[in-house]
Amino acid sequence: MVILFTTSVLFACLYLSAKHTLQRTQVALDMTEKSEAELRSNVQAAIAQSEKQESQAAAQDKISAICGIYRFSIFEGAGREYDLRSDGTAKAFTESTAGFVGSGRDVAWTMNGNIVTIGNLKFTIEGDDLIDSRGNRWRHIQ
């Protein structure tokens, strides 16, 4: 009887010790999974931020590449020019016998994909030139 009682107590102690060790291991695993998920989330956020910054830089580079003067010759000795500036403004010029003269106030220009909007006019980009809705090519001269 004493042997049975001692054996039972011994098995109970071993069982509780193993159960306690298993619980500590499970807590450690849960913490590791939580830390891993948090790390994964932080890495994904950092990658997304980096991609966003690269995308913004690429868009700014594209806009900078578009800036400059575009000319469209209506016929020999007459034409129009747009001066697209990096601050998002554009100035329109018309050629007359006295040379190029400004058309007045500055207008805003924006770029969305391959569409450049100057005031209320829309142009597509082909190479370094702008193509208006009539198919006229505005050559990038500066």
C-alpha atoms as a PDB file:
ATOM      1  CA  MET A   1       0.000   0.000   0.000  1.00  0.00           C
ATOM      2  CA  VAL A   2       2.803   2.409   0.865  1.00  0.00           C
ATOM      3  CA  ILE A   3       4.496   1.546  -2.428  1.00  0.00           C
ATOM      4  CA  LEU A   4       1.288   2.269  -4.334  1.00  0.00           C
ATOM      5  CA  PHE A   5       0.828   5.610  -2.532  1.00  0.00           C
ATOM      6  CA  THR A   6       4.492   6.604  -3.129  1.00  0.00           C
ATOM      7  CA  THR A   7       4.263   5.620  -6.778  1.00  0.00           C
ATOM      8  CA  SER A   8       1.030   7.586  -7.205  1.00  0.00           C
ATOM      9  CA  VAL A   9       2.531  10.704  -5.585  1.00  0.00           C
ATOM     10  CA  LEU A  10       5.664  10.349  -7.726  1.00  0.00           C
ATOM     11  CA  PHE A  11       3.619  10.047 -10.940  1.00  0.00           C
ATOM     12  CA  ALA A  12       1.460  13.018  -9.881  1.00  0.00           C
ATOM     13  CA  CYS A  13       4.608  15.125  -9.303  1.00  0.00           C
ATOM     14  CA  LEU A  14       6.069  14.080 -12.660  1.00  0.00           C
ATOM     15  CA  TYR A  15       2.758  14.799 -14.404  1.00  0.00           C
ATOM     16  CA  LEU A  16       2.446  18.273 -12.844  1.00  0.00           C
ATOM     17  CA  SER A  17       6.097  19.057 -13.638  1.00  0.00           C
ATOM     18  CA  ALA A  18       5.663  17.973 -17.270  1.00  0.00           C
ATOM     19  CA  LYS A  19       2.402  19.907 -17.516  1.00  0.00           C
ATOM     20  CA  HIS A  20       4.085  23.039 -16.104  1.00  0.00           C
ATOM     21  CA  THR A  21       7.007  22.664 -18.554  1.00  0.00           C
ATOM     22  CA  LEU A  22       4.563  22.174 -21.434  1.00  0.00           C
ATOM     23  CA  GLN A  23       2.629  25.299 -20.429  1.00  0.00           C
ATOM     24  CA  ARG A  24       5.849  27.381 -20.290  1.00  0.00           C
ATOM     25  CA  THR A  25       6.859  26.037 -23.703  1.00  0.00           C
ATOM     26  CA  GLN A  26       3.429  26.912 -25.118  1.00  0.00           C
ATOM     27  CA  VAL A  27       3.657  30.461 -23.702  1.00  0.00           C
ATOM     28  CA  ALA A  28       7.123  30.850 -25.243  1.00  0.00           C
ATOM     29  CA  LEU A  29       5.820  29.584 -28.613  1.00  0.00           C
ATOM     30  CA  ASP A  30       2.859  31.985 -28.462  1.00  0.00           C
ATOM     31  CA  MET A  31       5.192  34.889 -27.719  1.00  0.00           C
ATOM     32  CA  THR A  32       7.478  33.836 -30.584  1.00  0.00           C
ATOM     33  CA  GLU A  33       4.533  33.664 -32.995  1.00  0.00           C
ATOM     34  CA  LYS A  34       3.323  37.077 -31.831  1.00  0.00           C
ATOM     35  CA  SER A  35       6.806  38.547 -32.215  1.00  0.00           C
ATOM     36  CA  GLU A  36       7.154  36.962 -35.651  1.00  0.00           C
ATOM     37  CA  ALA A  37       3.788  38.346 -36.763  1.00  0.00           C
ATOM     38  CA  GLU A  38       4.723  41.802 -35.446  1.00  0.00           C
ATOM     39  CA  LEU A  39       8.107  41.624 -37.188  1.00  0.00           C
ATOM     40  CA  ARG A  40       6.455  40.520 -40.445  1.00  0.00           C
ATOM     41  CA  SER A  41       3.983  43.408 -40.163  1.00  0.00           C
ATOM     42  CA  ASN A  42       6.782  45.924 -39.524  1.00  0.00           C
ATOM     43  CA  VAL A  43       8.832  44.612 -42.455  1.00  0.00           C
ATOM     44  CA  GLN A  44       5.825  44.772 -44.793  1.00  0.00           C
ATOM     45  CA  ALA A  45       5.085  48.338 -43.662  1.00  0.00           C
ATOM     46  CA  ALA A  46       8.719  49.337 -44.261  1.00  0.00           C
ATOM     47  CA  ILE A  47       8.672  47.752 -47.736  1.00  0.00           C
ATOM     48  CA  ALA A  48       5.395  49.512 -48.599  1.00  0.00           C
ATOM     49  CA  GLN A  49       6.817  52.870 -47.412  1.00  0.00           C
ATOM     50  CA  SER A  50       9.981  52.326 -49.453  1.00  0.00           C
ATOM     51  CA  GLU A  51       7.971  51.426 -52.570  1.00  0.00           C
ATOM     52  CA  LYS A  52       5.784  54.504 -52.059  1.00  0.00           C
ATOM     53  CA  GLN A  53       8.862  56.752 -51.805  1.00  0.00           C
ATOM     54  CA  GLU A  54      10.395  55.140 -54.913  1.00  0.00           C
ATOM     55  CA  SER A  55       7.104  55.589 -56.778  1.00  0.00           C
ATOM     56  CA  GLN A  56       6.912  59.254 -55.772  1.00  0.00           C
ATOM     57  CA  ALA A  57      10.535  59.788 -56.829  1.00  0.00           C
ATOM     58  CA  ALA A  58       9.886  58.093 -60.181  1.00  0.00           C
ATOM     59  CA  ALA A  59       6.784  60.249 -60.741  1.00  0.00           C
ATOM     60  CA  GLN A  60       8.770  63.385 -59.881  1.00  0.00           C
ATOM     61  CA  ASP A  61      11.566  62.318 -62.265  1.00  0.00           C
ATOM     62  CA  LYS A  62       8.997  61.781 -65.027  1.00  0.00           C
ATOM     63  CA  ILE A  63       7.471  65.203 -64.393  1.00  0.00           C
ATOM     64  CA  SER A  64      10.933  66.795 -64.423  1.00  0.00           C
ATOM     65  CA  ALA A  65      11.657  65.077 -67.744  1.00  0.00           C
ATOM     66  CA  ILE A  66       8.454  66.527 -69.236  1.00  0.00           C
ATOM     67  CA  CYS A  67       9.277  70.111 -68.194  1.00  0.00           C
ATOM     68  CA  GLY A  68      10.494  72.354 -70.973  1.00  0.00           C
ATOM     69  CA  ILE A  69       9.308  74.195 -74.056  1.00  0.00           C
ATOM     70  CA  TYR A  70       7.072  72.480 -76.629  1.00  0.00           C
ATOM     71  CA  ARG A  71       6.511  74.055 -80.038  1.00  0.00           C
ATOM     72  CA  PHE A  72       3.830  73.494 -82.646  1.00  0.00           C
ATOM     73  CA  SER A  73       4.236  75.187 -86.039  1.00  0.00           C
ATOM     74  CA  ILE A  74       0.916  76.130 -87.549  1.00  0.00           C
ATOM     75  CA  PHE A  75       2.648  77.122 -90.794  1.00  0.00           C
ATOM     76  CA  GLU A  76       5.996  78.644 -91.710  1.00  0.00           C
ATOM     77  CA  GLY A  77       6.631  81.677 -89.519  1.00  0.00           C
ATOM     78  CA  ALA A  78       3.675  81.096 -87.217  1.00  0.00           C
ATOM     79  CA  GLY A  79       3.286  78.769 -84.309  1.00  0.00           C
ATOM     80  CA  ARG A  80       2.598  78.264 -80.650  1.00  0.00           C
ATOM     81  CA  GLU A  81       4.698  77.220 -77.698  1.00  0.00           C
ATOM     82  CA  TYR A  82       4.038  75.923 -74.210  1.00  0.00           C
ATOM     83  CA  ASP A  83       6.608  76.386 -71.479  1.00  0.00           C
ATOM     84  CA  LEU A  84       5.897  73.634 -68.916  1.00  0.00           C
ATOM     85  CA  ARG A  85       7.574  74.552 -65.634  1.00  0.00           C
ATOM     86  CA  SER A  86       8.536  72.284 -62.762  1.00  0.00           C
ATOM     87  CA  ASP A  87       6.287  74.202 -60.333  1.00  0.00           C
ATOM     88  CA  GLY A  88       3.202  72.921 -62.207  1.00  0.00           C
ATOM     89  CA  THR A  89       2.555  76.097 -64.173  1.00  0.00           C
ATOM     90  CA  ALA A  90       2.668  76.561 -67.938  1.00  0.00           C
ATOM     91  CA  LYS A  91       2.921  79.652 -70.073  1.00  0.00           C
ATOM     92  CA  ALA A  92       1.480  79.718 -73.583  1.00  0.00           C
ATOM     93  CA  PHE A  93       3.144  81.763 -76.305  1.00  0.00           C
ATOM     94  CA  THR A  94       1.959  82.655 -79.815  1.00  0.00           C
ATOM     95  CA  GLU A  95       4.338  83.561 -82.609  1.00  0.00           C
ATOM     96  CA  SER A  96       3.685  86.800 -84.454  1.00  0.00           C
ATOM     97  CA  THR A  97       5.746  89.017 -86.717  1.00  0.00           C
ATOM     98  CA  ALA A  98       7.310  90.530 -83.588  1.00  0.00           C
ATOM     99  CA  GLY A  99       8.374  87.107 -82.297  1.00  0.00           C
ATOM    100  CA  PHE A 100       6.868  85.014 -79.534  1.00  0.00           C
ATOM    101  CA  VAL A 101       4.591  86.810 -77.132  1.00  0.00           C
ATOM    102  CA  GLY A 102       2.999  85.466 -73.975  1.00  0.00           C
ATOM    103  CA  SER A 103      -0.695  84.735 -74.024  1.00  0.00           C
ATOM    104  CA  GLY A 104      -1.274  86.193 -70.599  1.00  0.00           C
ATOM    105  CA  ARG A 105      -1.589  84.428 -67.295  1.00  0.00           C
ATOM    106  CA  ASP A 106       0.035  81.179 -66.290  1.00  0.00           C
ATOM    107  CA  VAL A 107      -2.104  78.061 -66.346  1.00  0.00           C
ATOM    108  CA  ALA A 108      -1.633  74.894 -64.298  1.00  0.00           C
ATOM    109  CA  TRP A 109      -0.441  71.649 -65.845  1.00  0.00           C
ATOM    110  CA  THR A 110      -0.572  68.134 -64.432  1.00  0.00           C
ATOM    111  CA  MET A 111       0.459  64.683 -65.491  1.00  0.00           C
ATOM    112  CA  ASN A 112      -1.532  61.505 -64.888  1.00  0.00           C
ATOM    113  CA  GLY A 113       0.062  58.437 -66.437  1.00  0.00           C
ATOM    114  CA  ASN A 114       0.811  59.442 -70.040  1.00  0.00           C
ATOM    115  CA  ILE A 115      -1.777  62.216 -70.124  1.00  0.00           C
ATOM    116  CA  VAL A 116      -0.578  65.800 -69.699  1.00  0.00           C
ATOM    117  CA  THR A 117      -3.299  68.344 -68.958  1.00  0.00           C
ATOM    118  CA  ILE A 118      -2.481  72.009 -69.606  1.00  0.00           C
ATOM    119  CA  GLY A 119      -5.338  74.179 -68.432  1.00  0.00           C
ATOM    120  CA  ASN A 120      -8.333  72.380 -69.976  1.00  0.00           C
ATOM    121  CA  LEU A 121      -6.355  70.847 -72.884  1.00  0.00           C
ATOM    122  CA  LYS A 122      -5.238  67.207 -72.799  1.00  0.00           C
ATOM    123  CA  PHE A 123      -2.138  65.819 -74.521  1.00  0.00           C
ATOM    124  CA  THR A 124      -0.654  62.350 -74.771  1.00  0.00           C
ATOM    125  CA  ILE A 125       3.084  61.762 -74.604  1.00  0.00           C
ATOM    126  CA  GLU A 126       5.008  60.076 -77.384  1.00  0.00           C
ATOM    127  CA  GLY A 127       8.740  60.061 -76.823  1.00  0.00           C
ATOM    128  CA  ASP A 128       9.617  63.589 -75.766  1.00  0.00           C
ATOM    129  CA  ASP A 129       6.728  65.161 -77.661  1.00  0.00           C
ATOM    130  CA  LEU A 130       3.116  65.945 -76.812  1.00  0.00           C
ATOM    131  CA  ILE A 131       0.310  64.919 -79.177  1.00  0.00           C
ATOM    132  CA  ASP A 132      -2.896  66.950 -78.996  1.00  0.00           C
ATOM    133  CA  SER A 133      -6.401  65.640 -79.686  1.00  0.00           C
ATOM    134  CA  ARG A 134      -6.121  66.607 -83.356  1.00  0.00           C
ATOM    135  CA  GLY A 135      -2.942  64.588 -83.780  1.00  0.00           C
ATOM    136  CA  ASN A 136      -0.686  67.652 -83.878  1.00  0.00           C
ATOM    137  CA  ARG A 137       2.799  66.967 -82.536  1.00  0.00           C
ATOM    138  CA  TRP A 138       4.173  69.548 -80.122  1.00  0.00           C
ATOM    139  CA  ARG A 139       7.937  69.023 -80.338  1.00  0.00           C
ATOM    140  CA  HIS A 140      10.032  69.286 -77.191  1.00  0.00           C
ATOM    141  CA  ILE A 141      12.643  71.880 -78.143  1.00  0.00           C
ATOM    142  CA  GLN A 142      14.197  72.698 -74.754  1.00  0.00           C
END
